[in-house]
PDB file of N, CA and C in Angstrom:
ATOM      1  N   MET A   1       0.807  -1.198   0.000  1.00  0.00           N
ATOM      2  CA  MET A   1       0.000   0.000   0.000  1.00  0.00           C
ATOM      3  C   MET A   1       0.853   1.266   0.000  1.00  0.00           C
ATOM      4  N   VAL A   2       2.040   1.175   0.568  1.00  0.00           N
ATOM      5  CA  VAL A   2       2.910   2.344   0.621  1.00  0.00           C
ATOM      6  C   VAL A   2       3.315   2.769  -0.783  1.00  0.00           C
ATOM      7  N   ALA A   3       3.579   1.809  -1.661  1.00  0.00           N
ATOM      8  CA  ALA A   3       3.978   2.126  -3.037  1.00  0.00           C
ATOM      9  C   ALA A   3       2.868   2.875  -3.765  1.00  0.00           C
ATOM     10  N   LYS A   4       1.621   2.481  -3.559  1.00  0.00           N
ATOM     11  CA  LYS A   4       0.501   3.179  -4.191  1.00  0.00           C
ATOM     12  C   LYS A   4       0.423   4.622  -3.712  1.00  0.00           C
ATOM     13  N   ASP A   5       0.670   4.832  -2.435  1.00  0.00           N
ATOM     14  CA  ASP A   5       0.646   6.195  -1.894  1.00  0.00           C
ATOM     15  C   ASP A   5       1.737   7.055  -2.523  1.00  0.00           C
ATOM     16  N   VAL A   6       2.909   6.482  -2.702  1.00  0.00           N
ATOM     17  CA  VAL A   6       4.019   7.225  -3.289  1.00  0.00           C
ATOM     18  C   VAL A   6       3.724   7.542  -4.747  1.00  0.00           C
ATOM     19  N   LEU A   7       3.184   6.578  -5.491  1.00  0.00           N
ATOM     20  CA  LEU A   7       2.839   6.815  -6.891  1.00  0.00           C
ATOM     21  C   LEU A   7       1.752   7.879  -7.009  1.00  0.00           C
ATOM     22  N   PHE A   8       0.788   7.847  -6.106  1.00  0.00           N
ATOM     23  CA  PHE A   8      -0.265   8.861  -6.099  1.00  0.00           C
ATOM     24  C   PHE A   8       0.315  10.241  -5.797  1.00  0.00           C
ATOM     25  N   GLU A   9       1.267  10.291  -4.885  1.00  0.00           N
ATOM     26  CA  GLU A   9       1.911  11.552  -4.535  1.00  0.00           C
ATOM     27  C   GLU A   9       2.704  12.111  -5.724  1.00  0.00           C
ATOM     28  N   ILE A  10       3.392  11.247  -6.454  1.00  0.00           N
ATOM     29  CA  ILE A  10       4.123  11.670  -7.655  1.00  0.00           C
ATOM     30  C   ILE A  10       3.147  12.220  -8.681  1.00  0.00           C
ATOM     31  N   ARG A  11       2.025  11.533  -8.861  1.00  0.00           N
ATOM     32  CA  ARG A  11       1.017  11.995  -9.831  1.00  0.00           C
ATOM     33  C   ARG A  11       0.475  13.372  -9.448  1.00  0.00           C
ATOM     34  N   LYS A  12       0.136  13.555  -8.185  1.00  0.00           N
ATOM     35  CA  LYS A  12      -0.401  14.847  -7.742  1.00  0.00           C
ATOM     36  C   LYS A  12       0.619  15.962  -7.934  1.00  0.00           C
ATOM     37  N   LYS A  13       1.885  15.666  -7.664  1.00  0.00           N
ATOM     38  CA  LYS A  13       2.925  16.677  -7.844  1.00  0.00           C
ATOM     39  C   LYS A  13       3.061  17.034  -9.318  1.00  0.00           C
ATOM     40  N   LEU A  14       2.984  16.055 -10.203  1.00  0.00           N
ATOM     41  CA  LEU A  14       3.058  16.327 -11.631  1.00  0.00           C
ATOM     42  C   LEU A  14       1.847  17.119 -12.106  1.00  0.00           C
ATOM     43  N   GLU A  15       0.682  16.822 -11.577  1.00  0.00           N
ATOM     44  CA  GLU A  15      -0.530  17.544 -11.968  1.00  0.00           C
ATOM     45  C   GLU A  15      -0.423  19.029 -11.641  1.00  0.00           C
ATOM     46  N   SER A  16       0.308  19.355 -10.608  1.00  0.00           N
ATOM     47  CA  SER A  16       0.462  20.765 -10.256  1.00  0.00           C
ATOM     48  C   SER A  16       1.379  21.505 -11.231  1.00  0.00           C
ATOM     49  N   HIS A  17       2.073  20.773 -12.096  1.00  0.00           N
ATOM     50  CA  HIS A  17       2.989  21.369 -13.072  1.00  0.00           C
ATOM     51  C   HIS A  17       2.499  21.240 -14.512  1.00  0.00           C
ATOM     52  N   LEU A  18       1.248  20.916 -14.714  1.00  0.00           N
ATOM     53  CA  LEU A  18       0.717  20.777 -16.073  1.00  0.00           C
ATOM     54  C   LEU A  18       0.930  22.061 -16.874  1.00  0.00           C
ATOM     55  N   GLY A  19       1.394  21.890 -18.103  1.00  0.00           N
ATOM     56  CA  GLY A  19       1.618  23.029 -18.986  1.00  0.00           C
ATOM     57  C   GLY A  19       2.961  23.711 -18.804  1.00  0.00           C
ATOM     58  N   GLN A  20       3.745  23.269 -17.845  1.00  0.00           N
ATOM     59  CA  GLN A  20       5.043  23.882 -17.601  1.00  0.00           C
ATOM     60  C   GLN A  20       6.153  23.134 -18.341  1.00  0.00           C
ATOM     61  N   THR A  21       7.266  23.827 -18.520  1.00  0.00           N
ATOM     62  CA  THR A  21       8.431  23.207 -19.143  1.00  0.00           C
ATOM     63  C   THR A  21       9.065  22.239 -18.166  1.00  0.00           C
ATOM     64  N   ILE A  22       9.451  21.093 -18.689  1.00  0.00           N
ATOM     65  CA  ILE A  22      10.027  20.032 -17.870  1.00  0.00           C
ATOM     66  C   ILE A  22      11.263  19.494 -18.586  1.00  0.00           C
ATOM     67  N   LYS A  23      12.284  19.186 -17.824  1.00  0.00           N
ATOM     68  CA  LYS A  23      13.483  18.549 -18.373  1.00  0.00           C
ATOM     69  C   LYS A  23      13.466  17.107 -17.911  1.00  0.00           C
ATOM     70  N   LEU A  24      13.723  16.198 -18.838  1.00  0.00           N
ATOM     71  CA  LEU A  24      13.732  14.798 -18.455  1.00  0.00           C
ATOM     72  C   LEU A  24      14.980  14.118 -18.962  1.00  0.00           C
ATOM     73  N   LYS A  25      15.406  13.170 -18.183  1.00  0.00           N
ATOM     74  CA  LYS A  25      16.541  12.330 -18.540  1.00  0.00           C
ATOM     75  C   LYS A  25      16.049  10.901 -18.406  1.00  0.00           C
ATOM     76  N   ALA A  26      16.010  10.198 -19.529  1.00  0.00           N
ATOM     77  CA  ALA A  26      15.431   8.856 -19.529  1.00  0.00           C
ATOM     78  C   ALA A  26      16.493   7.810 -19.835  1.00  0.00           C
ATOM     79  N   ASN A  27      16.445   6.737 -19.102  1.00  0.00           N
ATOM     80  CA  ASN A  27      17.327   5.604 -19.314  1.00  0.00           C
ATOM     81  C   ASN A  27      16.516   4.542 -20.042  1.00  0.00           C
ATOM     82  N   ARG A  28      16.868   4.274 -21.286  1.00  0.00           N
ATOM     83  CA  ARG A  28      16.115   3.310 -22.088  1.00  0.00           C
ATOM     84  C   ARG A  28      16.874   2.006 -22.315  1.00  0.00           C
ATOM     85  N   GLY A  29      17.692   1.624 -21.377  1.00  0.00           N
ATOM     86  CA  GLY A  29      18.392   0.353 -21.507  1.00  0.00           C
ATOM     87  C   GLY A  29      19.863   0.554 -21.828  1.00  0.00           C
ATOM     88  N   ARG A  30      20.521  -0.482 -22.172  1.00  0.00           N
ATOM     89  CA  ARG A  30      21.946  -0.544 -22.445  1.00  0.00           C
ATOM     90  C   ARG A  30      22.560   0.723 -23.017  1.00  0.00           C
ATOM     91  N   ARG A  31      23.041   1.536 -22.147  1.00  0.00           N
ATOM     92  CA  ARG A  31      23.738   2.775 -22.507  1.00  0.00           C
ATOM     93  C   ARG A  31      22.928   3.692 -23.404  1.00  0.00           C
ATOM     94  N   LYS A  32      21.634   3.527 -23.409  1.00  0.00           N
ATOM     95  CA  LYS A  32      20.757   4.373 -24.210  1.00  0.00           C
ATOM     96  C   LYS A  32      20.022   5.340 -23.289  1.00  0.00           C
ATOM     97  N   THR A  33      20.598   6.486 -23.125  1.00  0.00           N
ATOM     98  CA  THR A  33      19.933   7.514 -22.341  1.00  0.00           C
ATOM     99  C   THR A  33      19.778   8.747 -23.213  1.00  0.00           C
ATOM    100  N   TYR A  34      18.761   9.490 -22.949  1.00  0.00           N
ATOM    101  CA  TYR A  34      18.599  10.745 -23.670  1.00  0.00           C
ATOM    102  C   TYR A  34      18.014  11.786 -22.745  1.00  0.00           C
ATOM    103  N   GLU A  35      18.332  13.012 -23.067  1.00  0.00           N
ATOM    104  CA  GLU A  35      17.830  14.155 -22.312  1.00  0.00           C
ATOM    105  C   GLU A  35      16.996  15.004 -23.250  1.00  0.00           C
ATOM    106  N   LYS A  36      15.820  15.347 -22.799  1.00  0.00           N
ATOM    107  CA  LYS A  36      14.885  16.143 -23.599  1.00  0.00           C
ATOM    108  C   LYS A  36      14.296  17.243 -22.730  1.00  0.00           C
ATOM    109  N   GLU A  37      13.809  18.262 -23.389  1.00  0.00           N
ATOM    110  CA  GLU A  37      13.076  19.317 -22.712  1.00  0.00           C
ATOM    111  C   GLU A  37      11.751  19.464 -23.432  1.00  0.00           C
ATOM    112  N   GLY A  38      10.677  19.478 -22.675  1.00  0.00           N
ATOM    113  CA  GLY A  38       9.354  19.567 -23.276  1.00  0.00           C
ATOM    114  C   GLY A  38       8.350  20.168 -22.309  1.00  0.00           C
ATOM    115  N   ILE A  39       7.105  19.983 -22.645  1.00  0.00           N
ATOM    116  CA  ILE A  39       6.003  20.508 -21.839  1.00  0.00           C
ATOM    117  C   ILE A  39       5.211  19.336 -21.287  1.00  0.00           C
ATOM    118  N   LEU A  40       4.945  19.375 -19.990  1.00  0.00           N
ATOM    119  CA  LEU A  40       4.106  18.355 -19.372  1.00  0.00           C
ATOM    120  C   LEU A  40       2.689  18.579 -19.863  1.00  0.00           C
ATOM    121  N   GLU A  41       2.239  17.702 -20.743  1.00  0.00           N
ATOM    122  CA  GLU A  41       0.979  17.921 -21.446  1.00  0.00           C
ATOM    123  C   GLU A  41      -0.228  17.402 -20.679  1.00  0.00           C
ATOM    124  N   SER A  42      -0.152  16.193 -20.155  1.00  0.00           N
ATOM    125  CA  SER A  42      -1.301  15.640 -19.442  1.00  0.00           C
ATOM    126  C   SER A  42      -0.879  14.506 -18.519  1.00  0.00           C
ATOM    127  N   THR A  43      -1.738  14.244 -17.546  1.00  0.00           N
ATOM    128  CA  THR A  43      -1.534  13.127 -16.631  1.00  0.00           C
ATOM    129  C   THR A  43      -2.769  12.238 -16.667  1.00  0.00           C
ATOM    130  N   TYR A  44      -2.543  10.972 -16.548  1.00  0.00           N
ATOM    131  CA  TYR A  44      -3.601   9.970 -16.520  1.00  0.00           C
ATOM    132  C   TYR A  44      -3.373   9.085 -15.306  1.00  0.00           C
ATOM    133  N   PRO A  45      -4.303   8.187 -14.999  1.00  0.00           N
ATOM    134  CA  PRO A  45      -4.134   7.367 -13.792  1.00  0.00           C
ATOM    135  C   PRO A  45      -2.830   6.565 -13.743  1.00  0.00           C
ATOM    136  N   SER A  46      -2.324   6.114 -14.886  1.00  0.00           N
ATOM    137  CA  SER A  46      -1.118   5.284 -14.881  1.00  0.00           C
ATOM    138  C   SER A  46       0.082   5.915 -15.570  1.00  0.00           C
ATOM    139  N   ILE A  47      -0.136   6.907 -16.423  1.00  0.00           N
ATOM    140  CA  ILE A  47       0.958   7.491 -17.197  1.00  0.00           C
ATOM    141  C   ILE A  47       0.853   9.014 -17.240  1.00  0.00           C
ATOM    142  N   PHE A  48       1.945   9.638 -17.675  1.00  0.00           N
ATOM    143  CA  PHE A  48       1.923  11.065 -17.973  1.00  0.00           C
ATOM    144  C   PHE A  48       2.586  11.286 -19.331  1.00  0.00           C
ATOM    145  N   ILE A  49       2.205  12.365 -19.996  1.00  0.00           N
ATOM    146  CA  ILE A  49       2.642  12.648 -21.364  1.00  0.00           C
ATOM    147  C   ILE A  49       3.467  13.936 -21.376  1.00  0.00           C
ATOM    148  N   VAL A  50       4.618  13.878 -22.050  1.00  0.00           N
ATOM    149  CA  VAL A  50       5.468  15.047 -22.237  1.00  0.00           C
ATOM    150  C   VAL A  50       5.559  15.309 -23.737  1.00  0.00           C
ATOM    151  N   ARG A  51       5.262  16.546 -24.135  1.00  0.00           N
ATOM    152  CA  ARG A  51       5.353  16.931 -25.545  1.00  0.00           C
ATOM    153  C   ARG A  51       6.705  17.591 -25.780  1.00  0.00           C
ATOM    154  N   VAL A  52       7.468  17.017 -26.708  1.00  0.00           N
ATOM    155  CA  VAL A  52       8.806  17.500 -27.021  1.00  0.00           C
ATOM    156  C   VAL A  52       8.778  18.091 -28.423  1.00  0.00           C
ATOM    157  N   ASP A  53       9.151  19.366 -28.547  1.00  0.00           N
ATOM    158  CA  ASP A  53       9.231  20.030 -29.847  1.00  0.00           C
ATOM    159  C   ASP A  53      10.694  20.085 -30.267  1.00  0.00           C
ATOM    160  N   GLU A  54      10.993  19.486 -31.404  1.00  0.00           N
ATOM    161  CA  GLU A  54      12.345  19.501 -31.935  1.00  0.00           C
ATOM    162  C   GLU A  54      12.303  19.915 -33.396  1.00  0.00           C
ATOM    163  N   ASN A  55      13.038  20.956 -33.702  1.00  0.00           N
ATOM    164  CA  ASN A  55      13.132  21.471 -35.073  1.00  0.00           C
ATOM    165  C   ASN A  55      11.759  21.670 -35.687  1.00  0.00           C
ATOM    166  N   SER A  56      11.391  20.865 -36.665  1.00  0.00           N
ATOM    167  CA  SER A  56      10.122  21.077 -37.378  1.00  0.00           C
ATOM    168  C   SER A  56       9.053  20.044 -37.024  1.00  0.00           C
ATOM    169  N   TYR A  57       9.276  19.238 -36.016  1.00  0.00           N
ATOM    170  CA  TYR A  57       8.271  18.234 -35.638  1.00  0.00           C
ATOM    171  C   TYR A  57       8.176  18.149 -34.123  1.00  0.00           C
ATOM    172  N   PHE A  58       7.130  17.506 -33.662  1.00  0.00           N
ATOM    173  CA  PHE A  58       6.999  17.261 -32.228  1.00  0.00           C
ATOM    174  C   PHE A  58       6.659  15.805 -32.010  1.00  0.00           C
ATOM    175  N   GLN A  59       6.922  15.359 -30.831  1.00  0.00           N
ATOM    176  CA  GLN A  59       6.564  13.998 -30.445  1.00  0.00           C
ATOM    177  C   GLN A  59       6.049  14.003 -29.023  1.00  0.00           C
ATOM    178  N   ARG A  60       5.234  13.039 -28.725  1.00  0.00           N
ATOM    179  CA  ARG A  60       4.711  12.871 -27.373  1.00  0.00           C
ATOM    180  C   ARG A  60       5.353  11.627 -26.775  1.00  0.00           C
ATOM    181  N   LEU A  61       5.928  11.805 -25.620  1.00  0.00           N
ATOM    182  CA  LEU A  61       6.561  10.699 -24.911  1.00  0.00           C
ATOM    183  C   LEU A  61       5.722  10.370 -23.691  1.00  0.00           C
ATOM    184  N   SER A  62       5.497   9.097 -23.455  1.00  0.00           N
ATOM    185  CA  SER A  62       4.715   8.701 -22.288  1.00  0.00           C
ATOM    186  C   SER A  62       5.589   7.900 -21.328  1.00  0.00           C
ATOM    187  N   PHE A  63       5.367   8.142 -20.058  1.00  0.00           N
ATOM    188  CA  PHE A  63       6.097   7.458 -19.001  1.00  0.00           C
ATOM    189  C   PHE A  63       5.137   7.105 -17.885  1.00  0.00           C
ATOM    190  N   THR A  64       5.500   6.122 -17.093  1.00  0.00           N
ATOM    191  CA  THR A  64       4.690   5.760 -15.939  1.00  0.00           C
ATOM    192  C   THR A  64       5.245   6.449 -14.704  1.00  0.00           C
ATOM    193  N   TYR A  65       4.435   6.530 -13.681  1.00  0.00           N
ATOM    194  CA  TYR A  65       4.881   7.115 -12.426  1.00  0.00           C
ATOM    195  C   TYR A  65       5.916   6.208 -11.762  1.00  0.00           C
ATOM    196  N   ALA A  66       5.836   4.921 -12.042  1.00  0.00           N
ATOM    197  CA  ALA A  66       6.835   3.983 -11.524  1.00  0.00           C
ATOM    198  C   ALA A  66       8.208   4.246 -12.141  1.00  0.00           C
ATOM    199  N   ASP A  67       8.242   4.763 -13.368  1.00  0.00           N
ATOM    200  CA  ASP A  67       9.523   5.140 -13.983  1.00  0.00           C
ATOM    201  C   ASP A  67      10.221   6.214 -13.159  1.00  0.00           C
ATOM    202  N   VAL A  68       9.448   7.135 -12.633  1.00  0.00           N
ATOM    203  CA  VAL A  68      10.013   8.195 -11.789  1.00  0.00           C
ATOM    204  C   VAL A  68      10.475   7.598 -10.464  1.00  0.00           C
ATOM    205  N   LEU A  69       9.663   6.714  -9.905  1.00  0.00           N
ATOM    206  CA  LEU A  69       9.984   6.095  -8.620  1.00  0.00           C
ATOM    207  C   LEU A  69      11.262   5.263  -8.703  1.00  0.00           C
ATOM    208  N   THR A  70      11.443   4.520  -9.784  1.00  0.00           N
ATOM    209  CA  THR A  70      12.607   3.650  -9.941  1.00  0.00           C
ATOM    210  C   THR A  70      13.792   4.349 -10.582  1.00  0.00           C
ATOM    211  N   GLU A  71      13.656   5.659 -10.816  1.00  0.00           N
ATOM    212  CA  GLU A  71      14.709   6.490 -11.393  1.00  0.00           C
ATOM    213  C   GLU A  71      15.083   6.110 -12.818  1.00  0.00           C
ATOM    214  N   THR A  72      14.180   5.458 -13.529  1.00  0.00           N
ATOM    215  CA  THR A  72      14.374   5.227 -14.960  1.00  0.00           C
ATOM    216  C   THR A  72      14.235   6.544 -15.696  1.00  0.00           C
ATOM    217  N   VAL A  73      13.393   7.425 -15.174  1.00  0.00           N
ATOM    218  CA  VAL A  73      13.202   8.771 -15.715  1.00  0.00           C
ATOM    219  C   VAL A  73      13.436   9.760 -14.583  1.00  0.00           C
ATOM    220  N   GLU A  74      14.287  10.743 -14.846  1.00  0.00           N
ATOM    221  CA  GLU A  74      14.523  11.806 -13.875  1.00  0.00           C
ATOM    222  C   GLU A  74      13.908  13.086 -14.426  1.00  0.00           C
ATOM    223  N   LEU A  75      13.107  13.733 -13.620  1.00  0.00           N
ATOM    224  CA  LEU A  75      12.410  14.952 -14.035  1.00  0.00           C
ATOM    225  C   LEU A  75      12.900  16.139 -13.226  1.00  0.00           C
ATOM    226  N   SER A  76      12.975  17.280 -13.883  1.00  0.00           N
ATOM    227  CA  SER A  76      13.288  18.498 -13.149  1.00  0.00           C
ATOM    228  C   SER A  76      12.507  19.654 -13.741  1.00  0.00           C
ATOM    229  N   PHE A  77      12.107  20.549 -12.849  1.00  0.00           N
ATOM    230  CA  PHE A  77      11.381  21.755 -13.226  1.00  0.00           C
ATOM    231  C   PHE A  77      12.264  22.938 -12.895  1.00  0.00           C
ATOM    232  N   ASP A  78      11.761  24.131 -13.093  1.00  0.00           N
ATOM    233  CA  ASP A  78      12.532  25.327 -12.782  1.00  0.00           C
ATOM    234  C   ASP A  78      12.896  25.401 -11.303  1.00  0.00           C
ATOM    235  N   GLU A  79      12.007  24.921 -10.438  1.00  0.00           N
ATOM    236  CA  GLU A  79      12.278  25.046  -9.010  1.00  0.00           C
ATOM    237  C   GLU A  79      13.056  23.878  -8.433  1.00  0.00           C
ATOM    238  N   GLY A  80      13.386  22.870  -9.240  1.00  0.00           N
ATOM    239  CA  GLY A  80      14.230  21.797  -8.722  1.00  0.00           C
ATOM    240  C   GLY A  80      13.777  20.419  -9.152  1.00  0.00           C
ATOM    241  N   ASP A  81      14.405  19.457  -8.554  1.00  0.00           N
ATOM    242  CA  ASP A  81      14.202  18.051  -8.877  1.00  0.00           C
ATOM    243  C   ASP A  81      12.904  17.541  -8.274  1.00  0.00           C
ATOM    244  N   LEU A  82      12.162  16.740  -9.030  1.00  0.00           N
ATOM    245  CA  LEU A  82      10.884  16.206  -8.549  1.00  0.00           C
ATOM    246  C   LEU A  82      11.078  15.271  -7.364  1.00  0.00           C
ATOM    247  N   ARG A  83      12.109  14.457  -7.369  1.00  0.00           N
ATOM    248  CA  ARG A  83      12.309  13.487  -6.292  1.00  0.00           C
ATOM    249  C   ARG A  83      12.517  14.190  -4.949  1.00  0.00           C
ATOM    250  N   ARG A  84      13.253  15.302  -4.949  1.00  0.00           N
ATOM    251  CA  ARG A  84      13.431  16.040  -3.711  1.00  0.00           C
ATOM    252  C   ARG A  84      12.139  16.689  -3.263  1.00  0.00           C
ATOM    253  N   THR A  85      11.347  17.163  -4.234  1.00  0.00           N
ATOM    254  CA  THR A  85      10.094  17.826  -3.916  1.00  0.00           C
ATOM    255  C   THR A  85       9.097  16.845  -3.307  1.00  0.00           C
ATOM    256  N   VAL A  86       9.044  15.619  -3.858  1.00  0.00           N
ATOM    257  CA  VAL A  86       8.112  14.604  -3.359  1.00  0.00           C
ATOM    258  C   VAL A  86       8.607  14.034  -2.037  1.00  0.00           C
ATOM    259  N   GLY A  87       9.898  14.063  -1.819  1.00  0.00           N
ATOM    260  CA  GLY A  87      10.443  13.544  -0.569  1.00  0.00           C
ATOM    261  C   GLY A  87      10.887  12.105  -0.673  1.00  0.00           C
ATOM    262  N   LEU A  88      11.335  11.703  -1.854  1.00  0.00           N
ATOM    263  CA  LEU A  88      11.806  10.315  -2.041  1.00  0.00           C
ATOM    264  C   LEU A  88      13.285  10.237  -1.760  1.00  0.00           C
TER     265      LEU A  88
END
């Protein structure tokens, strides 16, 4: 039950930043990491969507709240790191 509470807390914290610029660093496996900057577009019960505009196209990236919890995805806003804000 504690894990559900933490995931819910991460979701609520992200909801308070909807529409804001977000920096993310994602680990996608064997030495495949990338850093992107985008806009937190929407949150859903299990995932959140980040819209990344690059050159002449955009893409939407989706991540789970568990990705944030397990540090597969690191998020930061203007005021600091999400993990410190949530208290993880």
